[in-house]
Amino acid sequence: VIEMANRIIPAMDQEVSKELEKILTKKGMIIK
């Protein structure tokens, strides 16, 4: 996943966004 903002789903709460990124990374997704 390639995202221009500093986090995924940037419209959501920052803490939630960062936690979701950790979970998706554990599932094997690469997030840039």
PDB file of all heavy atoms in Angstrom:
ATOM      1  N   VAL A   1       0.850  -1.191   0.000  1.00  0.00           N
ATOM      2  CA  VAL A   1       0.000   0.000   0.000  1.00  0.00           C
ATOM      3  C   VAL A   1       0.883   1.236   0.000  1.00  0.00           C
ATOM      4  O   VAL A   1       1.815   1.348   0.808  1.00  0.00           O
ATOM      5  CB  VAL A   1      -0.934   0.023   1.227  1.00  0.00           C
ATOM      6  CG1 VAL A   1      -1.756   1.312   1.260  1.00  0.00           C
ATOM      7  CG2 VAL A   1      -1.859  -1.190   1.217  1.00  0.00           C
ATOM      8  N   ILE A   2       0.593   2.176  -0.912  1.00  0.00           N
ATOM      9  CA  ILE A   2       1.358   3.420  -1.034  1.00  0.00           C
ATOM     10  C   ILE A   2       0.422   4.582  -0.713  1.00  0.00           C
ATOM     11  O   ILE A   2      -0.569   4.802  -1.411  1.00  0.00           O
ATOM     12  CB  ILE A   2       1.930   3.572  -2.458  1.00  0.00           C
ATOM     13  CG1 ILE A   2       2.783   2.348  -2.821  1.00  0.00           C
ATOM     14  CG2 ILE A   2       2.740   4.859  -2.581  1.00  0.00           C
ATOM     15  CD1 ILE A   2       3.035   2.211  -4.311  1.00  0.00           C
ATOM     16  N   GLU A   3       0.717   5.313   0.351  1.00  0.00           N
ATOM     17  CA  GLU A   3      -0.160   6.386   0.829  1.00  0.00           C
ATOM     18  C   GLU A   3       0.641   7.672   0.992  1.00  0.00           C
ATOM     19  O   GLU A   3       1.712   7.684   1.601  1.00  0.00           O
ATOM     20  CB  GLU A   3      -0.802   5.990   2.160  1.00  0.00           C
ATOM     21  CG  GLU A   3      -1.511   7.099   2.906  1.00  0.00           C
ATOM     22  CD  GLU A   3      -2.603   7.789   2.095  1.00  0.00           C
ATOM     23  OE1 GLU A   3      -3.399   7.083   1.437  1.00  0.00           O
ATOM     24  OE2 GLU A   3      -2.645   9.033   2.095  1.00  0.00           O
ATOM     25  N   MET A   4       0.132   8.785   0.454  1.00  0.00           N
ATOM     26  CA  MET A   4       0.843  10.058   0.511  1.00  0.00           C
ATOM     27  C   MET A   4       0.848  10.671   1.912  1.00  0.00           C
ATOM     28  O   MET A   4       1.797  11.362   2.292  1.00  0.00           O
ATOM     29  CB  MET A   4       0.237  11.050  -0.486  1.00  0.00           C
ATOM     30  CG  MET A   4       0.463  10.681  -1.942  1.00  0.00           C
ATOM     31  SD  MET A   4       0.009  12.011  -3.080  1.00  0.00           S
ATOM     32  CE  MET A   4       1.279  13.237  -2.720  1.00  0.00           C
ATOM     33  N   ALA A   5      -0.203  10.445   2.694  1.00  0.00           N
ATOM     34  CA  ALA A   5      -0.264  10.994   4.052  1.00  0.00           C
ATOM     35  C   ALA A   5       0.712  10.238   4.956  1.00  0.00           C
ATOM     36  O   ALA A   5       1.325   9.242   4.555  1.00  0.00           O
ATOM     37  CB  ALA A   5      -1.683  10.890   4.597  1.00  0.00           C
ATOM     38  N   ASN A   6       0.811  10.684   6.193  1.00  0.00           N
ATOM     39  CA  ASN A   6       1.754  10.040   7.115  1.00  0.00           C
ATOM     40  C   ASN A   6       1.182   8.804   7.784  1.00  0.00           C
ATOM     41  O   ASN A   6       1.810   8.212   8.648  1.00  0.00           O
ATOM     42  CB  ASN A   6       2.239  11.041   8.173  1.00  0.00           C
ATOM     43  CG  ASN A   6       1.107  11.527   9.067  1.00  0.00           C
ATOM     44  OD1 ASN A   6      -0.061  11.221   8.835  1.00  0.00           O
ATOM     45  ND2 ASN A   6       1.451  12.290  10.084  1.00  0.00           N
ATOM     46  N   ARG A   7      -0.036   8.412   7.383  1.00  0.00           N
ATOM     47  CA  ARG A   7      -0.651   7.205   7.941  1.00  0.00           C
ATOM     48  C   ARG A   7      -1.802   6.765   7.039  1.00  0.00           C
ATOM     49  O   ARG A   7      -2.306   7.551   6.227  1.00  0.00           O
ATOM     50  CB  ARG A   7      -1.169   7.446   9.356  1.00  0.00           C
ATOM     51  CG  ARG A   7      -2.136   8.613   9.494  1.00  0.00           C
ATOM     52  CD  ARG A   7      -2.327   8.997  10.954  1.00  0.00           C
ATOM     53  NE  ARG A   7      -3.114  10.197  11.122  1.00  0.00           N
ATOM     54  CZ  ARG A   7      -4.440  10.220  11.317  1.00  0.00           C
ATOM     55  NH1 ARG A   7      -5.107   9.079  11.357  1.00  0.00           N
ATOM     56  NH2 ARG A   7      -5.087  11.356  11.488  1.00  0.00           N
ATOM     57  N   ILE A   8      -2.205   5.506   7.173  1.00  0.00           N
ATOM     58  CA  ILE A   8      -3.347   5.005   6.405  1.00  0.00           C
ATOM     59  C   ILE A   8      -4.647   5.534   7.015  1.00  0.00           C
ATOM     60  O   ILE A   8      -4.646   6.048   8.134  1.00  0.00           O
ATOM     61  CB  ILE A   8      -3.360   3.462   6.360  1.00  0.00           C
ATOM     62  CG1 ILE A   8      -3.413   2.866   7.777  1.00  0.00           C
ATOM     63  CG2 ILE A   8      -2.155   2.946   5.584  1.00  0.00           C
ATOM     64  CD1 ILE A   8      -3.616   1.366   7.808  1.00  0.00           C
ATOM     65  N   ILE A   9      -5.745   5.382   6.275  1.00  0.00           N
ATOM     66  CA  ILE A   9      -7.062   5.938   6.632  1.00  0.00           C
ATOM     67  C   ILE A   9      -6.916   7.226   7.444  1.00  0.00           C
ATOM     68  O   ILE A   9      -7.325   7.310   8.607  1.00  0.00           O
ATOM     69  CB  ILE A   9      -7.974   4.902   7.345  1.00  0.00           C
ATOM     70  CG1 ILE A   9      -7.275   4.252   8.550  1.00  0.00           C
ATOM     71  CG2 ILE A   9      -8.459   3.856   6.377  1.00  0.00           C
ATOM     72  CD1 ILE A   9      -8.248   3.467   9.438  1.00  0.00           C
ATOM     73  N   PRO A  10      -6.339   8.262   6.823  1.00  0.00           N
ATOM     74  CA  PRO A  10      -6.024   9.490   7.554  1.00  0.00           C
ATOM     75  C   PRO A  10      -7.231  10.234   8.120  1.00  0.00           C
ATOM     76  O   PRO A  10      -7.061  11.089   8.994  1.00  0.00           O
ATOM     77  CB  PRO A  10      -5.285  10.345   6.515  1.00  0.00           C
ATOM     78  CG  PRO A  10      -5.631   9.757   5.196  1.00  0.00           C
ATOM     79  CD  PRO A  10      -5.872   8.312   5.428  1.00  0.00           C
ATOM     80  N   ALA A  11      -8.429   9.930   7.649  1.00  0.00           N
ATOM     81  CA  ALA A  11      -9.617  10.592   8.194  1.00  0.00           C
ATOM     82  C   ALA A  11      -9.983  10.066   9.580  1.00  0.00           C
ATOM     83  O   ALA A  11     -10.751  10.696  10.301  1.00  0.00           O
ATOM     84  CB  ALA A  11     -10.799  10.417   7.247  1.00  0.00           C
ATOM     85  N   MET A  12      -9.433   8.906   9.942  1.00  0.00           N
ATOM     86  CA  MET A  12      -9.729   8.310  11.243  1.00  0.00           C
ATOM     87  C   MET A  12      -8.774   8.849  12.308  1.00  0.00           C
ATOM     88  O   MET A  12      -7.790   9.531  12.015  1.00  0.00           O
ATOM     89  CB  MET A  12      -9.600   6.783  11.155  1.00  0.00           C
ATOM     90  CG  MET A  12     -10.613   6.118  10.255  1.00  0.00           C
ATOM     91  SD  MET A  12     -12.215   5.988  11.067  1.00  0.00           S
ATOM     92  CE  MET A  12     -13.161   5.098   9.830  1.00  0.00           C
ATOM     93  N   ASP A  13      -9.085   8.527  13.551  1.00  0.00           N
ATOM     94  CA  ASP A  13      -8.245   8.925  14.670  1.00  0.00           C
ATOM     95  C   ASP A  13      -6.828   8.377  14.487  1.00  0.00           C
ATOM     96  O   ASP A  13      -6.643   7.226  14.085  1.00  0.00           O
ATOM     97  CB  ASP A  13      -8.853   8.385  15.970  1.00  0.00           C
ATOM     98  CG  ASP A  13      -8.127   8.875  17.200  1.00  0.00           C
ATOM     99  OD1 ASP A  13      -7.112   8.257  17.574  1.00  0.00           O
ATOM    100  OD2 ASP A  13      -8.576   9.868  17.774  1.00  0.00           O
ATOM    101  N   GLN A  14      -5.819   9.183  14.787  1.00  0.00           N
ATOM    102  CA  GLN A  14      -4.429   8.806  14.561  1.00  0.00           C
ATOM    103  C   GLN A  14      -4.049   7.527  15.308  1.00  0.00           C
ATOM    104  O   GLN A  14      -3.378   6.650  14.762  1.00  0.00           O
ATOM    105  CB  GLN A  14      -3.502   9.954  14.978  1.00  0.00           C
ATOM    106  CG  GLN A  14      -2.028   9.650  14.746  1.00  0.00           C
ATOM    107  CD  GLN A  14      -1.149  10.857  15.007  1.00  0.00           C
ATOM    108  OE1 GLN A  14      -1.616  11.988  14.964  1.00  0.00           O
ATOM    109  NE2 GLN A  14       0.121  10.618  15.278  1.00  0.00           N
ATOM    110  N   GLU A  15      -4.489   7.414  16.550  1.00  0.00           N
ATOM    111  CA  GLU A  15      -4.137   6.246  17.356  1.00  0.00           C
ATOM    112  C   GLU A  15      -4.721   4.968  16.747  1.00  0.00           C
ATOM    113  O   GLU A  15      -4.057   3.928  16.673  1.00  0.00           O
ATOM    114  CB  GLU A  15      -4.665   6.442  18.781  1.00  0.00           C
ATOM    115  CG  GLU A  15      -4.001   5.594  19.825  1.00  0.00           C
ATOM    116  CD  GLU A  15      -4.416   5.998  21.233  1.00  0.00           C
ATOM    117  OE1 GLU A  15      -5.251   6.898  21.388  1.00  0.00           O
ATOM    118  OE2 GLU A  15      -3.885   5.381  22.170  1.00  0.00           O
ATOM    119  N   VAL A  16      -5.957   5.064  16.301  1.00  0.00           N
ATOM    120  CA  VAL A  16      -6.612   3.916  15.664  1.00  0.00           C
ATOM    121  C   VAL A  16      -5.916   3.550  14.360  1.00  0.00           C
ATOM    122  O   VAL A  16      -5.682   2.377  14.056  1.00  0.00           O
ATOM    123  CB  VAL A  16      -8.106   4.233  15.412  1.00  0.00           C
ATOM    124  CG1 VAL A  16      -8.761   3.133  14.586  1.00  0.00           C
ATOM    125  CG2 VAL A  16      -8.842   4.403  16.723  1.00  0.00           C
ATOM    126  N   SER A  17      -5.564   4.569  13.594  1.00  0.00           N
ATOM    127  CA  SER A  17      -4.889   4.353  12.312  1.00  0.00           C
ATOM    128  C   SER A  17      -3.566   3.618  12.500  1.00  0.00           C
ATOM    129  O   SER A  17      -3.262   2.660  11.776  1.00  0.00           O
ATOM    130  CB  SER A  17      -4.657   5.709  11.639  1.00  0.00           C
ATOM    131  OG  SER A  17      -3.875   5.565  10.491  1.00  0.00           O
ATOM    132  N   LYS A  18      -2.774   4.068  13.455  1.00  0.00           N
ATOM    133  CA  LYS A  18      -1.478   3.436  13.708  1.00  0.00           C
ATOM    134  C   LYS A  18      -1.646   1.985  14.174  1.00  0.00           C
ATOM    135  O   LYS A  18      -0.884   1.095  13.784  1.00  0.00           O
ATOM    136  CB  LYS A  18      -0.699   4.240  14.749  1.00  0.00           C
ATOM    137  CG  LYS A  18      -0.257   5.613  14.270  1.00  0.00           C
ATOM    138  CD  LYS A  18       0.768   5.515  13.143  1.00  0.00           C
ATOM    139  CE  LYS A  18       1.308   6.879  12.761  1.00  0.00           C
ATOM    140  NZ  LYS A  18       2.260   6.810  11.624  1.00  0.00           N
ATOM    141  N   GLU A  19      -2.646   1.737  15.008  1.00  0.00           N
ATOM    142  CA  GLU A  19      -2.882   0.379  15.498  1.00  0.00           C
ATOM    143  C   GLU A  19      -3.303  -0.542  14.353  1.00  0.00           C
ATOM    144  O   GLU A  19      -2.852  -1.688  14.259  1.00  0.00           O
ATOM    145  CB  GLU A  19      -3.950   0.388  16.590  1.00  0.00           C
ATOM    146  CG  GLU A  19      -4.177  -0.953  17.269  1.00  0.00           C
ATOM    147  CD  GLU A  19      -2.952  -1.467  18.004  1.00  0.00           C
ATOM    148  OE1 GLU A  19      -2.113  -0.643  18.431  1.00  0.00           O
ATOM    149  OE2 GLU A  19      -2.831  -2.704  18.138  1.00  0.00           O
ATOM    150  N   LEU A  20      -4.173  -0.040  13.477  1.00  0.00           N
ATOM    151  CA  LEU A  20      -4.607  -0.842  12.330  1.00  0.00           C
ATOM    152  C   LEU A  20      -3.420  -1.156  11.423  1.00  0.00           C
ATOM    153  O   LEU A  20      -3.308  -2.275  10.904  1.00  0.00           O
ATOM    154  CB  LEU A  20      -5.696  -0.115  11.546  1.00  0.00           C
ATOM    155  CG  LEU A  20      -6.240  -0.858  10.321  1.00  0.00           C
ATOM    156  CD1 LEU A  20      -6.891  -2.175  10.731  1.00  0.00           C
ATOM    157  CD2 LEU A  20      -7.227   0.007   9.546  1.00  0.00           C
ATOM    158  N   GLU A  21      -2.528  -0.189  11.241  1.00  0.00           N
ATOM    159  CA  GLU A  21      -1.345  -0.421  10.407  1.00  0.00           C
ATOM    160  C   GLU A  21      -0.490  -1.567  10.975  1.00  0.00           C
ATOM    161  O   GLU A  21      -0.013  -2.423  10.221  1.00  0.00           O
ATOM    162  CB  GLU A  21      -0.507   0.850  10.310  1.00  0.00           C
ATOM    163  CG  GLU A  21       0.698   0.716   9.393  1.00  0.00           C
ATOM    164  CD  GLU A  21       1.461   2.012   9.232  1.00  0.00           C
ATOM    165  OE1 GLU A  21       0.848   3.085   9.364  1.00  0.00           O
ATOM    166  OE2 GLU A  21       2.673   1.947   8.952  1.00  0.00           O
ATOM    167  N   LYS A  22      -0.341  -1.612  12.282  1.00  0.00           N
ATOM    168  CA  LYS A  22       0.419  -2.707  12.913  1.00  0.00           C
ATOM    169  C   LYS A  22      -0.232  -4.054  12.628  1.00  0.00           C
ATOM    170  O   LYS A  22       0.430  -5.035  12.292  1.00  0.00           O
ATOM    171  CB  LYS A  22       0.498  -2.494  14.429  1.00  0.00           C
ATOM    172  CG  LYS A  22       1.362  -1.339  14.879  1.00  0.00           C
ATOM    173  CD  LYS A  22       1.317  -1.234  16.406  1.00  0.00           C
ATOM    174  CE  LYS A  22       2.044   0.015  16.899  1.00  0.00           C
ATOM    175  NZ  LYS A  22       1.907   0.151  18.375  1.00  0.00           N
ATOM    176  N   ILE A  23      -1.549  -4.103  12.757  1.00  0.00           N
ATOM    177  CA  ILE A  23      -2.283  -5.361  12.558  1.00  0.00           C
ATOM    178  C   ILE A  23      -2.171  -5.829  11.112  1.00  0.00           C
ATOM    179  O   ILE A  23      -1.928  -7.006  10.836  1.00  0.00           O
ATOM    180  CB  ILE A  23      -3.759  -5.184  12.972  1.00  0.00           C
ATOM    181  CG1 ILE A  23      -3.856  -4.957  14.482  1.00  0.00           C
ATOM    182  CG2 ILE A  23      -4.595  -6.396  12.564  1.00  0.00           C
ATOM    183  CD1 ILE A  23      -5.225  -4.499  14.948  1.00  0.00           C
ATOM    184  N   LEU A  24      -2.353  -4.898  10.161  1.00  0.00           N
ATOM    185  CA  LEU A  24      -2.274  -5.267   8.741  1.00  0.00           C
ATOM    186  C   LEU A  24      -0.866  -5.698   8.356  1.00  0.00           C
ATOM    187  O   LEU A  24      -0.688  -6.593   7.533  1.00  0.00           O
ATOM    188  CB  LEU A  24      -2.726  -4.089   7.875  1.00  0.00           C
ATOM    189  CG  LEU A  24      -4.186  -3.651   8.042  1.00  0.00           C
ATOM    190  CD1 LEU A  24      -4.485  -2.472   7.130  1.00  0.00           C
ATOM    191  CD2 LEU A  24      -5.152  -4.790   7.773  1.00  0.00           C
ATOM    192  N   THR A  25       0.136  -5.075   8.967  1.00  0.00           N
ATOM    193  CA  THR A  25       1.525  -5.473   8.707  1.00  0.00           C
ATOM    194  C   THR A  25       1.763  -6.907   9.182  1.00  0.00           C
ATOM    195  O   THR A  25       2.429  -7.701   8.500  1.00  0.00           O
ATOM    196  CB  THR A  25       2.499  -4.507   9.400  1.00  0.00           C
ATOM    197  OG1 THR A  25       2.271  -3.177   8.905  1.00  0.00           O
ATOM    198  CG2 THR A  25       3.941  -4.892   9.130  1.00  0.00           C
ATOM    199  N   LYS A  26       1.201  -7.259  10.332  1.00  0.00           N
ATOM    200  CA  LYS A  26       1.317  -8.634  10.833  1.00  0.00           C
ATOM    201  C   LYS A  26       0.640  -9.632   9.899  1.00  0.00           C
ATOM    202  O   LYS A  26       1.021 -10.795   9.828  1.00  0.00           O
ATOM    203  CB  LYS A  26       0.717  -8.745  12.229  1.00  0.00           C
ATOM    204  CG  LYS A  26       1.555  -8.088  13.324  1.00  0.00           C
ATOM    205  CD  LYS A  26       0.890  -8.233  14.682  1.00  0.00           C
ATOM    206  CE  LYS A  26       1.711  -7.563  15.776  1.00  0.00           C
ATOM    207  NZ  LYS A  26       1.044  -7.648  17.105  1.00  0.00           N
ATOM    208  N   LYS A  27      -0.383  -9.173   9.174  1.00  0.00           N
ATOM    209  CA  LYS A  27      -1.078 -10.039   8.217  1.00  0.00           C
ATOM    210  C   LYS A  27      -0.306 -10.164   6.902  1.00  0.00           C
ATOM    211  O   LYS A  27      -0.755 -10.840   5.987  1.00  0.00           O
ATOM    212  CB  LYS A  27      -2.484  -9.501   7.956  1.00  0.00           C
ATOM    213  CG  LYS A  27      -3.443  -9.609   9.137  1.00  0.00           C
ATOM    214  CD  LYS A  27      -4.796  -8.988   8.785  1.00  0.00           C
ATOM    215  CE  LYS A  27      -5.761  -9.041   9.962  1.00  0.00           C
ATOM    216  NZ  LYS A  27      -6.273 -10.384  10.223  1.00  0.00           N
ATOM    217  N   GLY A  28       0.844  -9.475   6.801  1.00  0.00           N
ATOM    218  CA  GLY A  28       1.680  -9.618   5.617  1.00  0.00           C
ATOM    219  C   GLY A  28       1.638  -8.467   4.646  1.00  0.00           C
ATOM    220  O   GLY A  28       2.338  -8.479   3.625  1.00  0.00           O
ATOM    221  N   MET A  29       0.823  -7.432   4.903  1.00  0.00           N
ATOM    222  CA  MET A  29       0.763  -6.290   3.996  1.00  0.00           C
ATOM    223  C   MET A  29       1.957  -5.362   4.234  1.00  0.00           C
ATOM    224  O   MET A  29       2.382  -5.156   5.377  1.00  0.00           O
ATOM    225  CB  MET A  29      -0.554  -5.527   4.190  1.00  0.00           C
ATOM    226  CG  MET A  29      -1.778  -6.323   3.777  1.00  0.00           C
ATOM    227  SD  MET A  29      -3.353  -5.508   4.185  1.00  0.00           S
ATOM    228  CE  MET A  29      -3.277  -4.039   3.162  1.00  0.00           C
ATOM    229  N   ILE A  30       2.510  -4.817   3.148  1.00  0.00           N
ATOM    230  CA  ILE A  30       3.582  -3.825   3.241  1.00  0.00           C
ATOM    231  C   ILE A  30       2.951  -2.449   3.066  1.00  0.00           C
ATOM    232  O   ILE A  30       2.219  -2.213   2.105  1.00  0.00           O
ATOM    233  CB  ILE A  30       4.649  -4.059   2.156  1.00  0.00           C
ATOM    234  CG1 ILE A  30       5.291  -5.441   2.331  1.00  0.00           C
ATOM    235  CG2 ILE A  30       5.704  -2.955   2.188  1.00  0.00           C
ATOM    236  CD1 ILE A  30       6.194  -5.834   1.173  1.00  0.00           C
ATOM    237  N   ILE A  31       3.207  -1.549   4.001  1.00  0.00           N
ATOM    238  CA  ILE A  31       2.576  -0.232   3.963  1.00  0.00           C
ATOM    239  C   ILE A  31       3.650   0.842   3.916  1.00  0.00           C
ATOM    240  O   ILE A  31       4.514   0.916   4.799  1.00  0.00           O
ATOM    241  CB  ILE A  31       1.648  -0.038   5.174  1.00  0.00           C
ATOM    242  CG1 ILE A  31       0.496  -1.049   5.089  1.00  0.00           C
ATOM    243  CG2 ILE A  31       1.111   1.392   5.217  1.00  0.00           C
ATOM    244  CD1 ILE A  31      -0.446  -1.036   6.255  1.00  0.00           C
ATOM    245  N   LYS A  32       3.597   1.680   2.869  1.00  0.00           N
ATOM    246  CA  LYS A  32       4.542   2.786   2.704  1.00  0.00           C
ATOM    247  C   LYS A  32       3.761   4.090   2.799  1.00  0.00           C
ATOM    248  O   LYS A  32       2.904   4.368   1.957  1.00  0.00           O
ATOM    249  CB  LYS A  32       5.255   2.685   1.352  1.00  0.00           C
ATOM    250  CG  LYS A  32       6.154   1.459   1.200  1.00  0.00           C
ATOM    251  CD  LYS A  32       6.821   1.437  -0.163  1.00  0.00           C
ATOM    252  CE  LYS A  32       7.741   0.237  -0.319  1.00  0.00           C
ATOM    253  NZ  LYS A  32       8.936   0.325   0.535  1.00  0.00           N
TER     254      LYS A  32
END
